[in-house]
Amino acid sequence: MVKKSAVSDVLKNVIEQLDSLDTEERSRVIRAIQVYFGQSAAPASGDAYVGEGDGAALKRPPSGAAAFFDRKQPKTKLEELAVAAKYREEAESAETSSQEQLKAIFDSARRHFDSKNFRRDIENARGRGLFLRAAARNEFKLSSVGQKMVDALPNRSATEELGGGRKRARGKRKG
């Protein structure tokens, strides 16, 4: 049997570590710990999934790329690319994404991936400030505007305030 002092020391260390995280990260870590130890994780706000039928109870929300897309509800191809990149950041701790990696996320989410027009779409997304070029060739990094836009989805008014859907203003050439 574990002594009370050992338990309190572990708890103190865990609290110190969690205290350094923001609220959203802290919630994710706590849910991950609960899942790891086989406890039922309480759904995060907005993540509740209610089944159909007479005695439908609160169930654990579906996980994976499909659930992430369903929760974010992207409406345009540019939003879909940003959502896929954000999913990779969260699920795979990836900072950059290539066309093949994003295609794999789309396939996992059971969404159409337009390979023929990928270059056009990613350049349009870059032009709107959602992506940056990464150090490696043919890899892209979600910008801070892109991250904030995906975090705000599906709230359309909040995404418009961020300017993620608008073209960047370009100055006139002097000449």
N, C-alpha and C. Protein backbone atom coordinates (compact mmCIF):
# COMPACT_ATOMS: atom_id res chain seq x y z
N MET A 1 0.85 -1.18 0.00
CA MET A 1 0.00 0.00 0.00
C MET A 1 0.89 1.24 0.00
N VAL A 2 0.46 2.25 -0.74
CA VAL A 2 1.21 3.49 -0.86
C VAL A 2 0.89 4.40 0.31
N LYS A 3 1.92 5.02 0.84
CA LYS A 3 1.72 5.92 1.97
C LYS A 3 1.09 7.23 1.50
N LYS A 4 0.38 7.90 2.42
CA LYS A 4 -0.27 9.16 2.10
C LYS A 4 0.72 10.21 1.65
N SER A 5 1.89 10.27 2.25
CA SER A 5 2.88 11.28 1.88
C SER A 5 3.36 11.09 0.44
N ALA A 6 3.48 9.83 -0.01
CA ALA A 6 3.90 9.57 -1.39
C ALA A 6 2.82 10.03 -2.37
N VAL A 7 1.56 9.79 -2.04
CA VAL A 7 0.45 10.22 -2.88
C VAL A 7 0.41 11.74 -2.97
N SER A 8 0.57 12.41 -1.83
CA SER A 8 0.52 13.87 -1.85
C SER A 8 1.70 14.46 -2.61
N ASP A 9 2.87 13.80 -2.55
CA ASP A 9 4.03 14.27 -3.32
C ASP A 9 3.77 14.14 -4.82
N VAL A 10 3.19 13.03 -5.24
CA VAL A 10 2.86 12.82 -6.65
C VAL A 10 1.85 13.88 -7.09
N LEU A 11 0.82 14.08 -6.28
CA LEU A 11 -0.20 15.06 -6.61
C LEU A 11 0.40 16.46 -6.72
N LYS A 12 1.28 16.80 -5.81
CA LYS A 12 1.93 18.11 -5.83
C LYS A 12 2.73 18.29 -7.12
N ASN A 13 3.47 17.27 -7.52
CA ASN A 13 4.26 17.34 -8.75
C ASN A 13 3.37 17.46 -9.99
N VAL A 14 2.29 16.71 -10.02
CA VAL A 14 1.37 16.76 -11.15
C VAL A 14 0.75 18.15 -11.26
N ILE A 15 0.33 18.70 -10.14
CA ILE A 15 -0.28 20.03 -10.14
C ILE A 15 0.71 21.09 -10.60
N GLU A 16 1.95 20.98 -10.16
CA GLU A 16 2.98 21.93 -10.60
C GLU A 16 3.17 21.87 -12.11
N GLN A 17 3.19 20.66 -12.66
CA GLN A 17 3.36 20.50 -14.11
C GLN A 17 2.14 21.03 -14.87
N LEU A 18 0.95 20.71 -14.39
CA LEU A 18 -0.28 21.16 -15.07
C LEU A 18 -0.46 22.67 -14.97
N ASP A 19 0.04 23.25 -13.90
CA ASP A 19 -0.11 24.69 -13.68
C ASP A 19 0.61 25.50 -14.76
N SER A 20 1.63 24.94 -15.37
CA SER A 20 2.39 25.66 -16.39
C SER A 20 1.69 25.66 -17.75
N LEU A 21 0.61 24.88 -17.90
CA LEU A 21 -0.12 24.80 -19.16
C LEU A 21 -1.31 25.74 -19.18
N ASP A 22 -1.75 26.12 -20.40
CA ASP A 22 -2.98 26.91 -20.47
C ASP A 22 -4.18 25.99 -20.25
N THR A 23 -5.35 26.57 -20.10
CA THR A 23 -6.54 25.81 -19.71
C THR A 23 -6.86 24.69 -20.69
N GLU A 24 -6.79 24.98 -21.99
CA GLU A 24 -7.14 23.98 -22.98
C GLU A 24 -6.14 22.81 -22.97
N GLU A 25 -4.84 23.14 -22.90
CA GLU A 25 -3.83 22.07 -22.85
C GLU A 25 -3.98 21.23 -21.59
N ARG A 26 -4.27 21.90 -20.48
CA ARG A 26 -4.44 21.20 -19.20
C ARG A 26 -5.59 20.20 -19.31
N SER A 27 -6.70 20.62 -19.92
CA SER A 27 -7.85 19.72 -20.08
C SER A 27 -7.50 18.52 -20.93
N ARG A 28 -6.75 18.76 -22.01
CA ARG A 28 -6.35 17.64 -22.88
C ARG A 28 -5.47 16.65 -22.14
N VAL A 29 -4.53 17.16 -21.35
CA VAL A 29 -3.62 16.27 -20.61
C VAL A 29 -4.40 15.45 -19.58
N ILE A 30 -5.31 16.09 -18.89
CA ILE A 30 -6.10 15.37 -17.87
C ILE A 30 -6.95 14.29 -18.52
N ARG A 31 -7.59 14.61 -19.68
CA ARG A 31 -8.38 13.59 -20.38
C ARG A 31 -7.48 12.45 -20.87
N ALA A 32 -6.29 12.78 -21.35
CA ALA A 32 -5.37 11.74 -21.83
C ALA A 32 -4.94 10.83 -20.68
N ILE A 33 -4.70 11.40 -19.51
CA ILE A 33 -4.34 10.59 -18.34
C ILE A 33 -5.49 9.66 -17.97
N GLN A 34 -6.71 10.18 -18.00
CA GLN A 34 -7.87 9.35 -17.67
C GLN A 34 -8.01 8.20 -18.66
N VAL A 35 -7.82 8.48 -19.93
CA VAL A 35 -7.91 7.43 -20.95
C VAL A 35 -6.79 6.41 -20.74
N TYR A 36 -5.59 6.88 -20.46
CA TYR A 36 -4.45 6.00 -20.26
C TYR A 36 -4.71 5.00 -19.13
N PHE A 37 -5.31 5.47 -18.05
CA PHE A 37 -5.56 4.60 -16.90
C PHE A 37 -6.93 3.93 -16.95
N GLY A 38 -7.63 4.05 -18.08
CA GLY A 38 -8.88 3.34 -18.27
C GLY A 38 -10.06 3.94 -17.55
N GLN A 39 -9.94 5.17 -17.14
CA GLN A 39 -11.05 5.87 -16.50
C GLN A 39 -11.91 6.51 -17.58
N SER A 40 -13.16 6.76 -17.30
CA SER A 40 -14.00 7.43 -18.30
C SER A 40 -13.67 8.90 -18.25
N ALA A 41 -13.22 9.43 -19.37
CA ALA A 41 -12.87 10.84 -19.44
C ALA A 41 -14.13 11.65 -19.65
N ALA A 42 -14.31 12.67 -18.86
CA ALA A 42 -15.45 13.57 -19.03
C ALA A 42 -15.24 14.35 -20.31
N PRO A 43 -16.27 14.47 -21.16
CA PRO A 43 -16.09 15.19 -22.41
C PRO A 43 -15.82 16.66 -22.16
N ALA A 44 -15.01 17.24 -23.04
CA ALA A 44 -14.74 18.67 -22.95
C ALA A 44 -16.00 19.42 -23.36
N SER A 45 -16.08 20.66 -22.97
CA SER A 45 -17.27 21.42 -23.33
C SER A 45 -17.43 21.44 -24.84
N GLY A 46 -18.62 21.12 -25.31
CA GLY A 46 -18.89 21.09 -26.73
C GLY A 46 -18.54 19.77 -27.38
N ASP A 47 -17.93 18.84 -26.65
CA ASP A 47 -17.52 17.57 -27.22
C ASP A 47 -18.51 16.45 -26.93
N ALA A 48 -19.58 16.73 -26.20
CA ALA A 48 -20.52 15.69 -25.82
C ALA A 48 -21.16 15.08 -27.06
N TYR A 49 -21.31 13.79 -27.05
CA TYR A 49 -21.91 13.07 -28.16
C TYR A 49 -23.07 12.28 -27.61
N VAL A 50 -24.26 12.58 -28.08
CA VAL A 50 -25.45 11.90 -27.60
C VAL A 50 -25.92 10.97 -28.69
N GLY A 51 -26.10 9.72 -28.35
CA GLY A 51 -26.55 8.73 -29.32
C GLY A 51 -28.02 8.88 -29.64
N GLU A 52 -28.47 8.13 -30.62
CA GLU A 52 -29.87 8.19 -31.01
C GLU A 52 -30.63 7.08 -30.29
N GLY A 53 -31.94 7.21 -30.25
CA GLY A 53 -32.76 6.18 -29.64
C GLY A 53 -33.40 6.66 -28.36
N ASP A 54 -34.26 5.79 -27.80
CA ASP A 54 -35.02 6.16 -26.61
C ASP A 54 -34.13 6.40 -25.40
N GLY A 55 -33.30 5.44 -25.05
CA GLY A 55 -32.49 5.54 -23.84
C GLY A 55 -31.09 6.04 -24.14
N ALA A 56 -30.97 6.95 -25.07
CA ALA A 56 -29.64 7.43 -25.46
C ALA A 56 -28.96 8.11 -24.28
N ALA A 57 -27.76 7.69 -24.02
CA ALA A 57 -27.00 8.25 -22.90
C ALA A 57 -25.83 9.06 -23.46
N LEU A 58 -25.23 9.82 -22.59
CA LEU A 58 -24.04 10.57 -22.98
C LEU A 58 -22.94 9.57 -23.25
N LYS A 59 -22.38 9.66 -24.43
CA LYS A 59 -21.34 8.71 -24.82
C LYS A 59 -20.05 9.46 -25.05
N ARG A 60 -18.99 8.73 -25.11
CA ARG A 60 -17.69 9.29 -25.41
C ARG A 60 -17.70 9.77 -26.86
N PRO A 61 -17.21 10.98 -27.12
CA PRO A 61 -17.26 11.50 -28.48
C PRO A 61 -16.36 10.68 -29.41
N PRO A 62 -16.75 10.59 -30.67
CA PRO A 62 -15.90 9.88 -31.61
C PRO A 62 -14.57 10.61 -31.74
N SER A 63 -13.52 9.86 -31.99
CA SER A 63 -12.21 10.48 -32.07
C SER A 63 -11.65 10.31 -33.47
N GLY A 64 -10.55 10.95 -33.72
CA GLY A 64 -9.89 10.83 -35.00
C GLY A 64 -10.15 12.03 -35.90
N ALA A 65 -9.61 11.93 -37.11
CA ALA A 65 -9.70 13.03 -38.06
C ALA A 65 -11.13 13.33 -38.45
N ALA A 66 -11.95 12.31 -38.63
CA ALA A 66 -13.35 12.53 -39.03
C ALA A 66 -14.09 13.33 -37.96
N ALA A 67 -13.90 12.99 -36.70
CA ALA A 67 -14.56 13.71 -35.62
C ALA A 67 -14.05 15.15 -35.52
N PHE A 68 -12.74 15.33 -35.76
CA PHE A 68 -12.16 16.67 -35.71
C PHE A 68 -12.77 17.54 -36.81
N PHE A 69 -12.88 16.98 -38.02
CA PHE A 69 -13.52 17.71 -39.12
C PHE A 69 -14.97 18.00 -38.80
N ASP A 70 -15.68 17.02 -38.24
CA ASP A 70 -17.10 17.22 -37.91
C ASP A 70 -17.27 18.32 -36.87
N ARG A 71 -16.35 18.38 -35.93
CA ARG A 71 -16.43 19.39 -34.87
C ARG A 71 -16.12 20.79 -35.42
N LYS A 72 -15.17 20.89 -36.33
CA LYS A 72 -14.74 22.18 -36.86
C LYS A 72 -15.62 22.67 -38.02
N GLN A 73 -16.25 21.77 -38.75
CA GLN A 73 -17.16 22.09 -39.84
C GLN A 73 -16.58 23.06 -40.87
N PRO A 74 -15.45 22.72 -41.48
CA PRO A 74 -14.90 23.60 -42.52
C PRO A 74 -15.82 23.64 -43.73
N LYS A 75 -15.96 24.82 -44.34
CA LYS A 75 -16.86 24.97 -45.47
C LYS A 75 -16.12 25.14 -46.79
N THR A 76 -14.89 25.60 -46.76
CA THR A 76 -14.13 25.82 -47.99
C THR A 76 -12.91 24.90 -48.02
N LYS A 77 -12.33 24.76 -49.20
CA LYS A 77 -11.13 23.93 -49.34
C LYS A 77 -9.98 24.51 -48.50
N LEU A 78 -9.89 25.84 -48.42
CA LEU A 78 -8.82 26.45 -47.63
C LEU A 78 -9.00 26.13 -46.15
N GLU A 79 -10.24 26.17 -45.67
CA GLU A 79 -10.50 25.81 -44.28
C GLU A 79 -10.21 24.34 -44.05
N GLU A 80 -10.55 23.49 -45.01
CA GLU A 80 -10.27 22.06 -44.86
C GLU A 80 -8.77 21.80 -44.76
N LEU A 81 -7.97 22.48 -45.58
CA LEU A 81 -6.51 22.31 -45.50
C LEU A 81 -5.99 22.76 -44.14
N ALA A 82 -6.49 23.88 -43.64
CA ALA A 82 -6.05 24.38 -42.33
C ALA A 82 -6.47 23.43 -41.21
N VAL A 83 -7.69 22.89 -41.29
CA VAL A 83 -8.17 21.94 -40.28
C VAL A 83 -7.31 20.68 -40.29
N ALA A 84 -6.97 20.19 -41.49
CA ALA A 84 -6.13 18.99 -41.58
C ALA A 84 -4.74 19.24 -40.99
N ALA A 85 -4.17 20.41 -41.28
CA ALA A 85 -2.85 20.74 -40.73
C ALA A 85 -2.91 20.87 -39.21
N LYS A 86 -3.98 21.48 -38.70
CA LYS A 86 -4.14 21.63 -37.24
C LYS A 86 -4.33 20.26 -36.58
N TYR A 87 -5.06 19.37 -37.25
CA TYR A 87 -5.23 18.02 -36.70
C TYR A 87 -3.87 17.33 -36.59
N ARG A 88 -3.03 17.47 -37.64
CA ARG A 88 -1.70 16.87 -37.58
C ARG A 88 -0.89 17.46 -36.44
N GLU A 89 -1.01 18.77 -36.22
CA GLU A 89 -0.27 19.41 -35.13
C GLU A 89 -0.67 18.81 -33.78
N GLU A 90 -1.97 18.63 -33.59
CA GLU A 90 -2.46 18.14 -32.30
C GLU A 90 -2.28 16.64 -32.13
N ALA A 91 -2.59 15.87 -33.17
CA ALA A 91 -2.57 14.41 -33.04
C ALA A 91 -1.18 13.82 -33.21
N GLU A 92 -0.37 14.43 -34.06
CA GLU A 92 0.93 13.86 -34.38
C GLU A 92 2.09 14.74 -33.96
N SER A 93 1.81 15.86 -33.30
CA SER A 93 2.83 16.83 -32.90
C SER A 93 3.70 17.25 -34.07
N ALA A 94 3.09 17.42 -35.23
CA ALA A 94 3.81 17.79 -36.44
C ALA A 94 3.74 19.30 -36.64
N GLU A 95 4.86 19.91 -36.93
CA GLU A 95 4.88 21.35 -37.17
C GLU A 95 4.63 21.68 -38.64
N THR A 96 5.02 20.78 -39.54
CA THR A 96 4.84 21.02 -40.96
C THR A 96 4.08 19.87 -41.59
N SER A 97 3.53 20.13 -42.78
CA SER A 97 2.78 19.11 -43.49
C SER A 97 3.10 19.16 -44.97
N SER A 98 3.17 18.00 -45.58
CA SER A 98 3.36 17.90 -47.02
C SER A 98 2.02 17.52 -47.65
N GLN A 99 1.98 17.53 -48.98
CA GLN A 99 0.76 17.16 -49.68
C GLN A 99 0.35 15.74 -49.31
N GLU A 100 1.28 14.81 -49.25
CA GLU A 100 0.97 13.42 -48.94
C GLU A 100 0.43 13.27 -47.52
N GLN A 101 1.01 14.00 -46.59
CA GLN A 101 0.56 13.92 -45.20
C GLN A 101 -0.85 14.49 -45.04
N LEU A 102 -1.12 15.61 -45.72
CA LEU A 102 -2.46 16.18 -45.65
C LEU A 102 -3.47 15.26 -46.33
N LYS A 103 -3.07 14.63 -47.43
CA LYS A 103 -3.95 13.68 -48.13
C LYS A 103 -4.32 12.53 -47.21
N ALA A 104 -3.36 12.05 -46.42
CA ALA A 104 -3.63 10.96 -45.48
C ALA A 104 -4.67 11.37 -44.44
N ILE A 105 -4.61 12.62 -43.98
CA ILE A 105 -5.59 13.12 -43.01
C ILE A 105 -6.97 13.21 -43.68
N PHE A 106 -7.02 13.72 -44.90
CA PHE A 106 -8.29 13.79 -45.62
C PHE A 106 -8.87 12.39 -45.80
N ASP A 107 -8.03 11.42 -46.17
CA ASP A 107 -8.50 10.05 -46.35
C ASP A 107 -9.04 9.49 -45.04
N SER A 108 -8.34 9.75 -43.95
CA SER A 108 -8.77 9.27 -42.64
C SER A 108 -10.10 9.91 -42.23
N ALA A 109 -10.30 11.16 -42.64
CA ALA A 109 -11.55 11.87 -42.32
C ALA A 109 -12.64 11.56 -43.34
N ARG A 110 -12.30 10.75 -44.35
CA ARG A 110 -13.24 10.39 -45.42
C ARG A 110 -13.76 11.62 -46.15
N ARG A 111 -12.80 12.48 -46.51
CA ARG A 111 -13.08 13.71 -47.25
C ARG A 111 -12.36 13.66 -48.59
N HIS A 112 -12.90 14.38 -49.56
CA HIS A 112 -12.28 14.43 -50.89
C HIS A 112 -11.03 15.31 -50.84
N PHE A 113 -9.94 14.80 -51.37
CA PHE A 113 -8.70 15.56 -51.48
C PHE A 113 -8.43 15.79 -52.95
N ASP A 114 -8.34 17.04 -53.37
CA ASP A 114 -8.15 17.41 -54.77
C ASP A 114 -6.66 17.52 -55.07
N SER A 115 -6.04 16.39 -55.42
CA SER A 115 -4.60 16.35 -55.68
C SER A 115 -4.21 17.25 -56.84
N LYS A 116 -5.05 17.28 -57.88
CA LYS A 116 -4.71 18.06 -59.08
C LYS A 116 -4.62 19.55 -58.79
N ASN A 117 -5.42 20.03 -57.86
CA ASN A 117 -5.44 21.47 -57.57
C ASN A 117 -4.82 21.82 -56.23
N PHE A 118 -4.04 20.89 -55.66
CA PHE A 118 -3.45 21.13 -54.35
C PHE A 118 -2.56 22.37 -54.36
N ARG A 119 -1.69 22.49 -55.35
CA ARG A 119 -0.75 23.62 -55.40
C ARG A 119 -1.53 24.94 -55.43
N ARG A 120 -2.57 25.02 -56.25
CA ARG A 120 -3.39 26.23 -56.33
C ARG A 120 -4.02 26.52 -54.97
N ASP A 121 -4.61 25.49 -54.35
CA ASP A 121 -5.31 25.68 -53.08
C ASP A 121 -4.36 26.11 -51.96
N ILE A 122 -3.19 25.49 -51.89
CA ILE A 122 -2.26 25.83 -50.81
C ILE A 122 -1.68 27.23 -51.03
N GLU A 123 -1.47 27.61 -52.28
CA GLU A 123 -0.99 28.98 -52.56
C GLU A 123 -2.08 30.00 -52.23
N ASN A 124 -3.33 29.68 -52.50
CA ASN A 124 -4.43 30.57 -52.10
C ASN A 124 -4.49 30.69 -50.58
N ALA A 125 -4.29 29.58 -49.88
CA ALA A 125 -4.29 29.60 -48.42
C ALA A 125 -3.12 30.42 -47.89
N ARG A 126 -1.97 30.31 -48.54
CA ARG A 126 -0.81 31.12 -48.16
C ARG A 126 -1.10 32.60 -48.40
N GLY A 127 -1.75 32.90 -49.52
CA GLY A 127 -2.09 34.29 -49.84
C GLY A 127 -3.05 34.90 -48.84
N ARG A 128 -3.83 34.08 -48.19
CA ARG A 128 -4.77 34.57 -47.18
C ARG A 128 -4.17 34.51 -45.77
N GLY A 129 -2.90 34.13 -45.70
CA GLY A 129 -2.21 34.16 -44.41
C GLY A 129 -2.42 32.94 -43.54
N LEU A 130 -2.97 31.85 -44.09
CA LEU A 130 -3.23 30.66 -43.27
C LEU A 130 -2.02 29.75 -43.15
N PHE A 131 -1.14 29.77 -44.14
CA PHE A 131 0.03 28.90 -44.15
C PHE A 131 1.29 29.71 -44.42
N LEU A 132 2.41 29.15 -43.98
CA LEU A 132 3.75 29.67 -44.27
C LEU A 132 4.53 28.57 -44.98
N ARG A 133 5.54 28.94 -45.71
CA ARG A 133 6.42 27.92 -46.27
C ARG A 133 7.32 27.40 -45.17
N ALA A 134 7.55 26.12 -45.18
CA ALA A 134 8.45 25.52 -44.19
C ALA A 134 9.86 25.48 -44.77
N ALA A 135 10.81 25.09 -43.96
CA ALA A 135 12.20 25.03 -44.40
C ALA A 135 12.39 23.97 -45.48
N ALA A 136 11.70 22.86 -45.36
CA ALA A 136 11.83 21.77 -46.34
C ALA A 136 10.98 22.08 -47.58
N ARG A 137 11.44 21.61 -48.71
CA ARG A 137 10.72 21.82 -49.97
C ARG A 137 9.39 21.08 -49.95
N ASN A 138 8.36 21.73 -50.47
CA ASN A 138 7.01 21.16 -50.57
C ASN A 138 6.39 20.81 -49.22
N GLU A 139 6.78 21.53 -48.19
CA GLU A 139 6.14 21.38 -46.88
C GLU A 139 5.63 22.74 -46.45
N PHE A 140 4.55 22.73 -45.69
CA PHE A 140 3.89 23.96 -45.30
C PHE A 140 3.61 23.93 -43.81
N LYS A 141 3.62 25.12 -43.24
CA LYS A 141 3.41 25.26 -41.80
C LYS A 141 2.19 26.14 -41.59
N LEU A 142 1.30 25.72 -40.71
CA LEU A 142 0.12 26.51 -40.38
C LEU A 142 0.57 27.77 -39.65
N SER A 143 0.13 28.93 -40.12
CA SER A 143 0.52 30.19 -39.49
C SER A 143 -0.28 30.40 -38.20
N SER A 144 0.09 31.44 -37.45
CA SER A 144 -0.66 31.73 -36.23
C SER A 144 -2.09 32.13 -36.56
N VAL A 145 -2.28 32.83 -37.68
CA VAL A 145 -3.64 33.19 -38.11
C VAL A 145 -4.42 31.92 -38.44
N GLY A 146 -3.77 30.98 -39.13
CA GLY A 146 -4.41 29.71 -39.47
C GLY A 146 -4.79 28.92 -38.23
N GLN A 147 -3.90 28.89 -37.25
CA GLN A 147 -4.19 28.18 -36.01
C GLN A 147 -5.37 28.82 -35.28
N LYS A 148 -5.38 30.13 -35.19
CA LYS A 148 -6.47 30.82 -34.51
C LYS A 148 -7.79 30.62 -35.25
N MET A 149 -7.74 30.61 -36.59
CA MET A 149 -8.96 30.41 -37.36
C MET A 149 -9.54 29.03 -37.08
N VAL A 150 -8.70 28.00 -37.10
CA VAL A 150 -9.19 26.64 -36.85
C VAL A 150 -9.69 26.52 -35.42
N ASP A 151 -9.01 27.14 -34.47
CA ASP A 151 -9.48 27.11 -33.08
C ASP A 151 -10.86 27.75 -32.96
N ALA A 152 -11.12 28.80 -33.75
CA ALA A 152 -12.39 29.51 -33.67
C ALA A 152 -13.53 28.78 -34.38
N LEU A 153 -13.20 27.91 -35.32
CA LEU A 153 -14.25 27.19 -36.05
C LEU A 153 -15.07 26.34 -35.09
N PRO A 154 -16.34 26.19 -35.30
CA PRO A 154 -17.16 26.59 -36.44
C PRO A 154 -17.77 27.98 -36.31
N ASN A 155 -17.32 28.79 -35.39
CA ASN A 155 -17.84 30.14 -35.19
C ASN A 155 -17.38 31.03 -36.34
N ARG A 156 -18.23 31.24 -37.34
CA ARG A 156 -17.87 32.00 -38.55
C ARG A 156 -17.59 33.47 -38.25
N SER A 157 -18.32 34.07 -37.33
CA SER A 157 -18.08 35.50 -37.04
C SER A 157 -16.70 35.69 -36.42
N ALA A 158 -16.26 34.75 -35.61
CA ALA A 158 -14.93 34.86 -35.00
C ALA A 158 -13.84 34.68 -36.05
N THR A 159 -14.05 33.79 -37.03
CA THR A 159 -13.04 33.59 -38.07
C THR A 159 -12.94 34.81 -38.97
N GLU A 160 -14.06 35.48 -39.21
CA GLU A 160 -14.02 36.70 -40.04
C GLU A 160 -13.27 37.82 -39.33
N GLU A 161 -13.40 37.89 -38.01
CA GLU A 161 -12.67 38.91 -37.26
C GLU A 161 -11.16 38.70 -37.34
N LEU A 162 -10.74 37.43 -37.44
CA LEU A 162 -9.32 37.13 -37.56
C LEU A 162 -8.76 37.51 -38.91
N GLY A 163 -9.62 37.59 -39.91
CA GLY A 163 -9.16 37.93 -41.25
C GLY A 163 -8.61 36.75 -42.00
N GLY A 164 -8.83 35.53 -41.50
CA GLY A 164 -8.30 34.35 -42.16
C GLY A 164 -8.93 34.05 -43.50
N GLY A 165 -10.11 34.60 -43.76
CA GLY A 165 -10.76 34.34 -45.02
C GLY A 165 -10.56 35.43 -46.04
N ARG A 166 -9.86 36.48 -45.68
CA ARG A 166 -9.69 37.61 -46.60
C ARG A 166 -8.31 37.59 -47.23
N LYS A 167 -8.25 38.16 -48.41
CA LYS A 167 -6.96 38.30 -49.08
C LYS A 167 -6.15 39.38 -48.38
N ARG A 168 -4.85 39.21 -48.40
CA ARG A 168 -3.98 40.21 -47.84
C ARG A 168 -4.01 41.45 -48.71
N ALA A 169 -3.91 42.59 -48.10
CA ALA A 169 -3.85 43.83 -48.86
C ALA A 169 -2.47 43.95 -49.49
N ARG A 170 -2.45 44.27 -50.75
CA ARG A 170 -1.16 44.42 -51.43
C ARG A 170 -0.99 45.87 -51.85
N GLY A 171 0.19 46.34 -51.67
CA GLY A 171 0.48 47.72 -52.06
C GLY A 171 0.66 47.85 -53.56
N LYS A 172 0.48 49.06 -54.06
CA LYS A 172 0.68 49.30 -55.48
C LYS A 172 2.17 49.42 -55.77
N ARG A 173 2.53 48.96 -56.92
CA ARG A 173 3.93 49.09 -57.34
C ARG A 173 4.20 50.53 -57.76
N LYS A 174 5.33 50.97 -57.39
CA LYS A 174 5.75 52.31 -57.83
C LYS A 174 6.64 52.10 -59.04
N GLY A 175 6.42 52.85 -60.01
CA GLY A 175 7.31 52.59 -61.11
C GLY A 175 7.25 53.55 -62.17
